[in-house]
Amino acid sequence: MSARLKNGLLSAMVFAVISMSFSYFVEGEIRWNNVIGLAIGGFVSWYFIIPRINKKRADKKKG
Protein backbone atom coordinates (compact mmCIF):
# COMPACT_ATOMS: atom_id res chain seq x y z
CA MET A 1 0.00 0.00 0.00
CA SER A 2 1.43 3.33 -1.01
CA ALA A 3 2.02 6.17 1.41
CA ARG A 4 -0.49 8.34 -0.46
CA LEU A 5 -3.24 5.75 -0.02
CA LYS A 6 -2.42 5.29 3.66
CA ASN A 7 -2.51 9.05 4.23
CA GLY A 8 -5.79 9.33 2.33
CA LEU A 9 -7.50 6.57 4.28
CA LEU A 10 -6.15 7.79 7.61
CA SER A 11 -7.33 11.33 6.98
CA ALA A 12 -10.76 10.07 5.86
CA MET A 13 -11.13 8.16 9.13
CA VAL A 14 -9.94 11.10 11.23
CA PHE A 15 -12.27 13.54 9.46
CA ALA A 16 -15.20 11.12 9.92
CA VAL A 17 -14.54 10.60 13.64
CA ILE A 18 -14.15 14.32 14.28
CA SER A 19 -17.30 15.06 12.30
CA MET A 20 -19.30 12.43 14.21
CA SER A 21 -18.13 13.62 17.60
CA PHE A 22 -18.63 17.31 16.79
CA SER A 23 -22.08 16.66 15.36
CA TYR A 24 -23.11 14.54 18.33
CA PHE A 25 -21.95 16.99 20.99
CA VAL A 26 -23.16 20.18 19.29
CA GLU A 27 -26.39 19.08 17.61
CA GLY A 28 -27.30 16.04 19.71
CA GLU A 29 -27.43 13.68 16.74
CA ILE A 30 -25.04 12.40 14.12
CA ARG A 31 -25.64 13.84 10.68
CA TRP A 32 -24.42 11.18 8.28
CA ASN A 33 -24.41 13.49 5.27
CA ASN A 34 -21.75 15.61 6.95
CA VAL A 35 -19.74 12.60 8.07
CA ILE A 36 -19.66 11.03 4.60
CA GLY A 37 -18.93 14.35 2.90
CA LEU A 38 -16.04 15.21 5.20
CA ALA A 39 -14.60 11.69 4.90
CA ILE A 40 -14.64 11.92 1.11
CA GLY A 41 -13.18 15.42 1.24
CA GLY A 42 -10.43 14.30 3.61
CA PHE A 43 -9.49 11.40 1.36
CA VAL A 44 -9.48 13.51 -1.80
CA SER A 45 -7.44 16.28 -0.23
CA TRP A 46 -4.77 13.98 1.23
CA TYR A 47 -4.61 11.66 -1.78
CA PHE A 48 -4.56 14.25 -4.57
CA ILE A 49 -4.11 17.83 -3.37
CA ILE A 50 -1.55 17.68 -0.53
CA PRO A 51 1.01 15.56 -2.49
CA ARG A 52 0.82 18.01 -5.38
CA ILE A 53 1.43 20.97 -3.05
CA ASN A 54 4.35 19.18 -1.41
CA LYS A 55 5.85 18.36 -4.82
CA LYS A 56 5.65 21.99 -5.92
CA ARG A 57 7.32 23.12 -2.69
CA ALA A 58 10.11 20.57 -3.14
CA ASP A 59 10.64 21.73 -6.73
CA LYS A 60 10.91 25.35 -5.57
CA LYS A 61 13.56 24.46 -3.01
CA LYS A 62 15.64 22.59 -5.60
CA GLY A 63 15.44 25.23 -8.28
PDB file of N, CA and C in Angstrom:
ATOM      1  N   MET A   1       0.844  -1.173   0.000  1.00  0.00           N
ATOM      2  CA  MET A   1       0.000   0.000   0.000  1.00  0.00           C
ATOM      3  C   MET A   1       0.892   1.239   0.000  1.00  0.00           C
ATOM      4  N   SER A   2       0.587   2.146  -0.884  1.00  0.00           N
ATOM      5  CA  SER A   2       1.431   3.333  -1.007  1.00  0.00           C
ATOM      6  C   SER A   2       1.182   4.301   0.146  1.00  0.00           C
ATOM      7  N   ALA A   3       2.130   5.180   0.336  1.00  0.00           N
ATOM      8  CA  ALA A   3       2.022   6.173   1.407  1.00  0.00           C
ATOM      9  C   ALA A   3       0.863   7.127   1.143  1.00  0.00           C
ATOM     10  N   ARG A   4       0.627   7.451  -0.133  1.00  0.00           N
ATOM     11  CA  ARG A   4      -0.494   8.340  -0.462  1.00  0.00           C
ATOM     12  C   ARG A   4      -1.821   7.721  -0.076  1.00  0.00           C
ATOM     13  N   LEU A   5      -1.993   6.427  -0.355  1.00  0.00           N
ATOM     14  CA  LEU A   5      -3.241   5.751  -0.023  1.00  0.00           C
ATOM     15  C   LEU A   5      -3.421   5.650   1.483  1.00  0.00           C
ATOM     16  N   LYS A   6      -2.337   5.347   2.196  1.00  0.00           N
ATOM     17  CA  LYS A   6      -2.416   5.290   3.658  1.00  0.00           C
ATOM     18  C   LYS A   6      -2.805   6.642   4.232  1.00  0.00           C
ATOM     19  N   ASN A   7      -2.179   7.708   3.755  1.00  0.00           N
ATOM     20  CA  ASN A   7      -2.511   9.050   4.228  1.00  0.00           C
ATOM     21  C   ASN A   7      -3.954   9.417   3.904  1.00  0.00           C
ATOM     22  N   GLY A   8      -4.411   9.042   2.722  1.00  0.00           N
ATOM     23  CA  GLY A   8      -5.788   9.333   2.329  1.00  0.00           C
ATOM     24  C   GLY A   8      -6.795   8.615   3.202  1.00  0.00           C
ATOM     25  N   LEU A   9      -6.580   7.333   3.443  1.00  0.00           N
ATOM     26  CA  LEU A   9      -7.501   6.566   4.278  1.00  0.00           C
ATOM     27  C   LEU A   9      -7.463   7.026   5.732  1.00  0.00           C
ATOM     28  N   LEU A  10      -6.279   7.311   6.230  1.00  0.00           N
ATOM     29  CA  LEU A  10      -6.152   7.785   7.608  1.00  0.00           C
ATOM     30  C   LEU A  10      -6.863   9.123   7.786  1.00  0.00           C
ATOM     31  N   SER A  11      -6.672  10.035   6.854  1.00  0.00           N
ATOM     32  CA  SER A  11      -7.331  11.334   6.983  1.00  0.00           C
ATOM     33  C   SER A  11      -8.844  11.197   6.838  1.00  0.00           C
ATOM     34  N   ALA A  12      -9.317  10.288   5.990  1.00  0.00           N
ATOM     35  CA  ALA A  12     -10.762  10.070   5.861  1.00  0.00           C
ATOM     36  C   ALA A  12     -11.344   9.577   7.182  1.00  0.00           C
ATOM     37  N   MET A  13     -10.650   8.652   7.841  1.00  0.00           N
ATOM     38  CA  MET A  13     -11.127   8.158   9.130  1.00  0.00           C
ATOM     39  C   MET A  13     -11.112   9.250  10.191  1.00  0.00           C
ATOM     40  N   VAL A  14     -10.048  10.031  10.221  1.00  0.00           N
ATOM     41  CA  VAL A  14      -9.943  11.101  11.225  1.00  0.00           C
ATOM     42  C   VAL A  14     -11.029  12.147  10.999  1.00  0.00           C
ATOM     43  N   PHE A  15     -11.236  12.549   9.763  1.00  0.00           N
ATOM     44  CA  PHE A  15     -12.271  13.535   9.462  1.00  0.00           C
ATOM     45  C   PHE A  15     -13.637  12.998   9.848  1.00  0.00           C
ATOM     46  N   ALA A  16     -13.900  11.705   9.585  1.00  0.00           N
ATOM     47  CA  ALA A  16     -15.196  11.117   9.915  1.00  0.00           C
ATOM     48  C   ALA A  16     -15.417  11.080  11.428  1.00  0.00           C
ATOM     49  N   VAL A  17     -14.408  10.677  12.181  1.00  0.00           N
ATOM     50  CA  VAL A  17     -14.544  10.603  13.640  1.00  0.00           C
ATOM     51  C   VAL A  17     -14.755  11.993  14.238  1.00  0.00           C
ATOM     52  N   ILE A  18     -13.997  12.956  13.774  1.00  0.00           N
ATOM     53  CA  ILE A  18     -14.151  14.317  14.281  1.00  0.00           C
ATOM     54  C   ILE A  18     -15.529  14.865  13.925  1.00  0.00           C
ATOM     55  N   SER A  19     -15.984  14.593  12.711  1.00  0.00           N
ATOM     56  CA  SER A  19     -17.298  15.055  12.297  1.00  0.00           C
ATOM     57  C   SER A  19     -18.404  14.406  13.127  1.00  0.00           C
ATOM     58  N   MET A  20     -18.292  13.110  13.394  1.00  0.00           N
ATOM     59  CA  MET A  20     -19.300  12.430  14.209  1.00  0.00           C
ATOM     60  C   MET A  20     -19.331  12.976  15.622  1.00  0.00           C
ATOM     61  N   SER A  21     -18.165  13.141  16.224  1.00  0.00           N
ATOM     62  CA  SER A  21     -18.129  13.623  17.605  1.00  0.00           C
ATOM     63  C   SER A  21     -18.618  15.066  17.694  1.00  0.00           C
ATOM     64  N   PHE A  22     -18.197  15.919  16.785  1.00  0.00           N
ATOM     65  CA  PHE A  22     -18.631  17.310  16.792  1.00  0.00           C
ATOM     66  C   PHE A  22     -20.140  17.402  16.596  1.00  0.00           C
ATOM     67  N   SER A  23     -20.649  16.651  15.640  1.00  0.00           N
ATOM     68  CA  SER A  23     -22.079  16.662  15.359  1.00  0.00           C
ATOM     69  C   SER A  23     -22.876  16.147  16.550  1.00  0.00           C
ATOM     70  N   TYR A  24     -22.398  15.109  17.195  1.00  0.00           N
ATOM     71  CA  TYR A  24     -23.115  14.543  18.329  1.00  0.00           C
ATOM     72  C   TYR A  24     -23.144  15.500  19.515  1.00  0.00           C
ATOM     73  N   PHE A  25     -22.014  16.117  19.824  1.00  0.00           N
ATOM     74  CA  PHE A  25     -21.952  16.991  20.987  1.00  0.00           C
ATOM     75  C   PHE A  25     -22.624  18.342  20.761  1.00  0.00           C
ATOM     76  N   VAL A  26     -22.586  18.865  19.559  1.00  0.00           N
ATOM     77  CA  VAL A  26     -23.162  20.178  19.294  1.00  0.00           C
ATOM     78  C   VAL A  26     -24.657  20.074  18.965  1.00  0.00           C
ATOM     79  N   GLU A  27     -25.014  19.151  18.078  1.00  0.00           N
ATOM     80  CA  GLU A  27     -26.391  19.076  17.606  1.00  0.00           C
ATOM     81  C   GLU A  27     -27.215  17.998  18.302  1.00  0.00           C
ATOM     82  N   GLY A  28     -26.579  17.091  19.017  1.00  0.00           N
ATOM     83  CA  GLY A  28     -27.301  16.041  19.710  1.00  0.00           C
ATOM     84  C   GLY A  28     -27.595  14.810  18.875  1.00  0.00           C
ATOM     85  N   GLU A  29     -27.246  14.837  17.620  1.00  0.00           N
ATOM     86  CA  GLU A  29     -27.433  13.678  16.742  1.00  0.00           C
ATOM     87  C   GLU A  29     -26.333  13.685  15.684  1.00  0.00           C
ATOM     88  N   ILE A  30     -26.063  12.515  15.161  1.00  0.00           N
ATOM     89  CA  ILE A  30     -25.038  12.403  14.120  1.00  0.00           C
ATOM     90  C   ILE A  30     -25.700  12.641  12.769  1.00  0.00           C
ATOM     91  N   ARG A  31     -25.145  13.563  12.027  1.00  0.00           N
ATOM     92  CA  ARG A  31     -25.641  13.839  10.678  1.00  0.00           C
ATOM     93  C   ARG A  31     -24.724  13.136   9.684  1.00  0.00           C
ATOM     94  N   TRP A  32     -25.242  12.052   9.124  1.00  0.00           N
ATOM     95  CA  TRP A  32     -24.424  11.181   8.283  1.00  0.00           C
ATOM     96  C   TRP A  32     -24.016  11.842   6.980  1.00  0.00           C
ATOM     97  N   ASN A  33     -24.799  12.776   6.495  1.00  0.00           N
ATOM     98  CA  ASN A  33     -24.409  13.493   5.273  1.00  0.00           C
ATOM     99  C   ASN A  33     -23.096  14.239   5.494  1.00  0.00           C
ATOM    100  N   ASN A  34     -22.975  14.889   6.640  1.00  0.00           N
ATOM    101  CA  ASN A  34     -21.746  15.614   6.954  1.00  0.00           C
ATOM    102  C   ASN A  34     -20.569  14.669   7.141  1.00  0.00           C
ATOM    103  N   VAL A  35     -20.805  13.558   7.811  1.00  0.00           N
ATOM    104  CA  VAL A  35     -19.737  12.595   8.070  1.00  0.00           C
ATOM    105  C   VAL A  35     -19.198  12.035   6.759  1.00  0.00           C
ATOM    106  N   ILE A  36     -20.080  11.612   5.886  1.00  0.00           N
ATOM    107  CA  ILE A  36     -19.665  11.031   4.601  1.00  0.00           C
ATOM    108  C   ILE A  36     -18.974  12.086   3.733  1.00  0.00           C
ATOM    109  N   GLY A  37     -19.529  13.287   3.705  1.00  0.00           N
ATOM    110  CA  GLY A  37     -18.930  14.353   2.902  1.00  0.00           C
ATOM    111  C   GLY A  37     -17.539  14.734   3.374  1.00  0.00           C
ATOM    112  N   LEU A  38     -17.363  14.858   4.681  1.00  0.00           N
ATOM    113  CA  LEU A  38     -16.040  15.210   5.198  1.00  0.00           C
ATOM    114  C   LEU A  38     -15.045  14.066   5.028  1.00  0.00           C
ATOM    115  N   ALA A  39     -15.503  12.830   5.126  1.00  0.00           N
ATOM    116  CA  ALA A  39     -14.605  11.693   4.902  1.00  0.00           C
ATOM    117  C   ALA A  39     -14.125  11.663   3.455  1.00  0.00           C
ATOM    118  N   ILE A  40     -15.025  11.882   2.530  1.00  0.00           N
ATOM    119  CA  ILE A  40     -14.640  11.922   1.111  1.00  0.00           C
ATOM    120  C   ILE A  40     -13.703  13.099   0.849  1.00  0.00           C
ATOM    121  N   GLY A  41     -14.041  14.244   1.415  1.00  0.00           N
ATOM    122  CA  GLY A  41     -13.184  15.421   1.244  1.00  0.00           C
ATOM    123  C   GLY A  41     -11.799  15.223   1.834  1.00  0.00           C
ATOM    124  N   GLY A  42     -11.725  14.580   2.999  1.00  0.00           N
ATOM    125  CA  GLY A  42     -10.428  14.298   3.612  1.00  0.00           C
ATOM    126  C   GLY A  42      -9.592  13.360   2.759  1.00  0.00           C
ATOM    127  N   PHE A  43     -10.235  12.334   2.208  1.00  0.00           N
ATOM    128  CA  PHE A  43      -9.494  11.401   1.355  1.00  0.00           C
ATOM    129  C   PHE A  43      -8.988  12.099   0.102  1.00  0.00           C
ATOM    130  N   VAL A  44      -9.866  12.841  -0.555  1.00  0.00           N
ATOM    131  CA  VAL A  44      -9.477  13.512  -1.799  1.00  0.00           C
ATOM    132  C   VAL A  44      -8.351  14.514  -1.554  1.00  0.00           C
ATOM    133  N   SER A  45      -8.467  15.270  -0.476  1.00  0.00           N
ATOM    134  CA  SER A  45      -7.439  16.283  -0.226  1.00  0.00           C
ATOM    135  C   SER A  45      -6.087  15.655   0.079  1.00  0.00           C
ATOM    136  N   TRP A  46      -6.050  14.581   0.866  1.00  0.00           N
ATOM    137  CA  TRP A  46      -4.772  13.980   1.232  1.00  0.00           C
ATOM    138  C   TRP A  46      -4.247  13.021   0.173  1.00  0.00           C
ATOM    139  N   TYR A  47      -5.095  12.555  -0.728  1.00  0.00           N
ATOM    140  CA  TYR A  47      -4.605  11.663  -1.784  1.00  0.00           C
ATOM    141  C   TYR A  47      -4.174  12.436  -3.026  1.00  0.00           C
ATOM    142  N   PHE A  48      -4.856  13.525  -3.337  1.00  0.00           N
ATOM    143  CA  PHE A  48      -4.559  14.246  -4.567  1.00  0.00           C
ATOM    144  C   PHE A  48      -3.925  15.618  -4.338  1.00  0.00           C
ATOM    145  N   ILE A  49      -4.491  16.420  -3.463  1.00  0.00           N
ATOM    146  CA  ILE A  49      -4.107  17.829  -3.373  1.00  0.00           C
ATOM    147  C   ILE A  49      -2.826  18.040  -2.574  1.00  0.00           C
ATOM    148  N   ILE A  50      -2.722  17.471  -1.389  1.00  0.00           N
ATOM    149  CA  ILE A  50      -1.552  17.678  -0.530  1.00  0.00           C
ATOM    150  C   ILE A  50      -0.259  17.172  -1.183  1.00  0.00           C
ATOM    151  N   PRO A  51      -0.237  15.977  -1.820  1.00  0.00           N
ATOM    152  CA  PRO A  51       1.011  15.563  -2.488  1.00  0.00           C
ATOM    153  C   PRO A  51       1.439  16.514  -3.608  1.00  0.00           C
ATOM    154  N   ARG A  52       0.473  17.074  -4.311  1.00  0.00           N
ATOM    155  CA  ARG A  52       0.818  18.012  -5.384  1.00  0.00           C
ATOM    156  C   ARG A  52       1.431  19.283  -4.803  1.00  0.00           C
ATOM    157  N   ILE A  53       0.875  19.781  -3.708  1.00  0.00           N
ATOM    158  CA  ILE A  53       1.428  20.971  -3.055  1.00  0.00           C
ATOM    159  C   ILE A  53       2.836  20.691  -2.548  1.00  0.00           C
ATOM    160  N   ASN A  54       3.026  19.538  -1.921  1.00  0.00           N
ATOM    161  CA  ASN A  54       4.354  19.180  -1.413  1.00  0.00           C
ATOM    162  C   ASN A  54       5.370  19.037  -2.535  1.00  0.00           C
ATOM    163  N   LYS A  55       4.942  18.501  -3.678  1.00  0.00           N
ATOM    164  CA  LYS A  55       5.847  18.356  -4.816  1.00  0.00           C
ATOM    165  C   LYS A  55       6.263  19.723  -5.360  1.00  0.00           C
ATOM    166  N   LYS A  56       5.312  20.648  -5.438  1.00  0.00           N
ATOM    167  CA  LYS A  56       5.645  21.993  -5.919  1.00  0.00           C
ATOM    168  C   LYS A  56       6.601  22.694  -4.967  1.00  0.00           C
ATOM    169  N   ARG A  57       6.414  22.513  -3.671  1.00  0.00           N
ATOM    170  CA  ARG A  57       7.319  23.120  -2.693  1.00  0.00           C
ATOM    171  C   ARG A  57       8.723  22.533  -2.798  1.00  0.00           C
ATOM    172  N   ALA A  58       8.807  21.218  -3.008  1.00  0.00           N
ATOM    173  CA  ALA A  58      10.106  20.574  -3.143  1.00  0.00           C
ATOM    174  C   ALA A  58      10.817  21.051  -4.407  1.00  0.00           C
ATOM    175  N   ASP A  59      10.056  21.225  -5.481  1.00  0.00           N
ATOM    176  CA  ASP A  59      10.643  21.731  -6.732  1.00  0.00           C
ATOM    177  C   ASP A  59      11.160  23.151  -6.567  1.00  0.00           C
ATOM    178  N   LYS A  60      10.456  23.983  -5.799  1.00  0.00           N
ATOM    179  CA  LYS A  60      10.913  25.352  -5.573  1.00  0.00           C
ATOM    180  C   LYS A  60      12.224  25.384  -4.800  1.00  0.00           C
ATOM    181  N   LYS A  61      12.346  24.503  -3.820  1.00  0.00           N
ATOM    182  CA  LYS A  61      13.560  24.464  -3.008  1.00  0.00           C
ATOM    183  C   LYS A  61      14.765  23.997  -3.835  1.00  0.00           C
ATOM    184  N   LYS A  62      14.543  23.078  -4.766  1.00  0.00           N
ATOM    185  CA  LYS A  62      15.641  22.588  -5.601  1.00  0.00           C
ATOM    186  C   LYS A  62      16.087  23.644  -6.594  1.00  0.00           C
ATOM    187  N   GLY A  63      15.139  24.322  -7.183  1.00  0.00           N
ATOM    188  CA  GLY A  63      15.437  25.234  -8.282  1.00  0.00           C
ATOM    189  C   GLY A  63      15.682  26.586  -7.822  1.00  0.00           C
TER     190      GLY A  63
END
